[in-house]
Amino acid sequence: MLLSTGINLPTVLIGAIIAVIFVAILLRGIRRRKKGESGCGCGCSSCPNRAVCHTGQEEKPDGR
């Protein structure tokens, strides 16, 4: 059992690193969504899909 764990250790470490990165990206997206920021980072003033993303929200002074 110990031998098989040692052989798979690099695979387990790489998988753990990828999982941590994935969770960090998800948490960042959730925080940005709660703040009302856009997902693409370019702002909403010139976005053709603004009405789809921000239904029922008032216009903020900076155009977002």
C-alpha atoms as a PDB file:
ATOM      1  CA  MET A   1       0.000   0.000   0.000  1.00  0.00           C
ATOM      2  CA  LEU A   2       2.771   2.441   0.876  1.00  0.00           C
ATOM      3  CA  LEU A   3       4.551   1.718  -2.377  1.00  0.00           C
ATOM      4  CA  SER A   4       1.474   2.494  -4.475  1.00  0.00           C
ATOM      5  CA  THR A   5       0.944   5.764  -2.589  1.00  0.00           C
ATOM      6  CA  GLY A   6       4.537   6.797  -3.277  1.00  0.00           C
ATOM      7  CA  ILE A   7       4.164   6.055  -6.958  1.00  0.00           C
ATOM      8  CA  ASN A   8       0.958   8.091  -7.210  1.00  0.00           C
ATOM      9  CA  LEU A   9       2.173  10.992  -5.066  1.00  0.00           C
ATOM     10  CA  PRO A  10       3.001  13.297  -8.012  1.00  0.00           C
ATOM     11  CA  THR A  11      -0.424  12.634  -9.517  1.00  0.00           C
ATOM     12  CA  VAL A  12      -2.113  13.374  -6.199  1.00  0.00           C
ATOM     13  CA  LEU A  13      -0.120  16.598  -5.740  1.00  0.00           C
ATOM     14  CA  ILE A  14      -0.892  17.846  -9.243  1.00  0.00           C
ATOM     15  CA  GLY A  15      -4.563  17.023  -8.758  1.00  0.00           C
ATOM     16  CA  ALA A  16      -4.604  18.905  -5.451  1.00  0.00           C
ATOM     17  CA  ILE A  17      -2.951  21.957  -7.035  1.00  0.00           C
ATOM     18  CA  ILE A  18      -5.490  21.969  -9.868  1.00  0.00           C
ATOM     19  CA  ALA A  19      -8.342  21.626  -7.362  1.00  0.00           C
ATOM     20  CA  VAL A  20      -7.048  24.599  -5.328  1.00  0.00           C
ATOM     21  CA  ILE A  21      -6.779  26.743  -8.468  1.00  0.00           C
ATOM     22  CA  PHE A  22     -10.295  25.739  -9.529  1.00  0.00           C
ATOM     23  CA  VAL A  23     -11.766  26.624  -6.123  1.00  0.00           C
ATOM     24  CA  ALA A  24      -9.928  29.978  -6.120  1.00  0.00           C
ATOM     25  CA  ILE A  25     -11.387  30.847  -9.533  1.00  0.00           C
ATOM     26  CA  LEU A  26     -14.878  29.880  -8.382  1.00  0.00           C
ATOM     27  CA  LEU A  27     -14.626  31.945  -5.201  1.00  0.00           C
ATOM     28  CA  ARG A  28     -13.360  34.961  -7.132  1.00  0.00           C
ATOM     29  CA  GLY A  29     -16.294  34.705  -9.522  1.00  0.00           C
ATOM     30  CA  ILE A  30     -18.785  34.411  -6.687  1.00  0.00           C
ATOM     31  CA  ARG A  31     -17.324  37.455  -4.912  1.00  0.00           C
ATOM     32  CA  ARG A  32     -17.379  39.523  -8.102  1.00  0.00           C
ATOM     33  CA  ARG A  33     -20.975  38.500  -8.803  1.00  0.00           C
ATOM     34  CA  LYS A  34     -22.050  39.494  -5.279  1.00  0.00           C
ATOM     35  CA  LYS A  35     -20.389  42.903  -5.738  1.00  0.00           C
ATOM     36  CA  GLY A  36     -22.282  43.357  -9.009  1.00  0.00           C
ATOM     37  CA  GLU A  37     -19.185  43.427 -11.196  1.00  0.00           C
ATOM     38  CA  SER A  38     -19.320  42.100 -14.710  1.00  0.00           C
ATOM     39  CA  GLY A  39     -17.920  38.704 -15.586  1.00  0.00           C
ATOM     40  CA  CYS A  40     -15.853  39.817 -18.556  1.00  0.00           C
ATOM     41  CA  GLY A  41     -14.159  42.796 -16.876  1.00  0.00           C
ATOM     42  CA  CYS A  42     -14.910  45.279 -19.648  1.00  0.00           C
ATOM     43  CA  GLY A  43     -17.864  47.035 -18.059  1.00  0.00           C
ATOM     44  CA  CYS A  44     -21.488  47.054 -19.097  1.00  0.00           C
ATOM     45  CA  SER A  45     -21.976  50.458 -20.708  1.00  0.00           C
ATOM     46  CA  SER A  46     -21.270  49.258 -24.238  1.00  0.00           C
ATOM     47  CA  CYS A  47     -22.247  45.601 -23.852  1.00  0.00           C
ATOM     48  CA  PRO A  48     -25.031  44.443 -26.186  1.00  0.00           C
ATOM     49  CA  ASN A  49     -26.214  41.899 -23.590  1.00  0.00           C
ATOM     50  CA  ARG A  50     -26.546  44.347 -20.708  1.00  0.00           C
ATOM     51  CA  ALA A  51     -30.308  43.903 -20.524  1.00  0.00           C
ATOM     52  CA  VAL A  52     -29.891  40.148 -20.107  1.00  0.00           C
ATOM     53  CA  CYS A  53     -27.321  40.359 -17.296  1.00  0.00           C
ATOM     54  CA  HIS A  54     -28.803  43.226 -15.289  1.00  0.00           C
ATOM     55  CA  THR A  55     -32.555  42.866 -15.471  1.00  0.00           C
ATOM     56  CA  GLY A  56     -34.333  45.036 -12.925  1.00  0.00           C
ATOM     57  CA  GLN A  57     -31.240  46.863 -11.694  1.00  0.00           C
ATOM     58  CA  GLU A  58     -30.883  50.627 -11.668  1.00  0.00           C
ATOM     59  CA  GLU A  59     -28.167  52.366 -13.650  1.00  0.00           C
ATOM     60  CA  LYS A  60     -25.159  53.288 -11.505  1.00  0.00           C
ATOM     61  CA  PRO A  61     -23.517  56.700 -11.975  1.00  0.00           C
ATOM     62  CA  ASP A  62     -20.409  55.213 -13.611  1.00  0.00           C
ATOM     63  CA  GLY A  63     -22.490  53.556 -16.355  1.00  0.00           C
ATOM     64  CA  ARG A  64     -22.435  49.980 -15.053  1.00  0.00           C
END
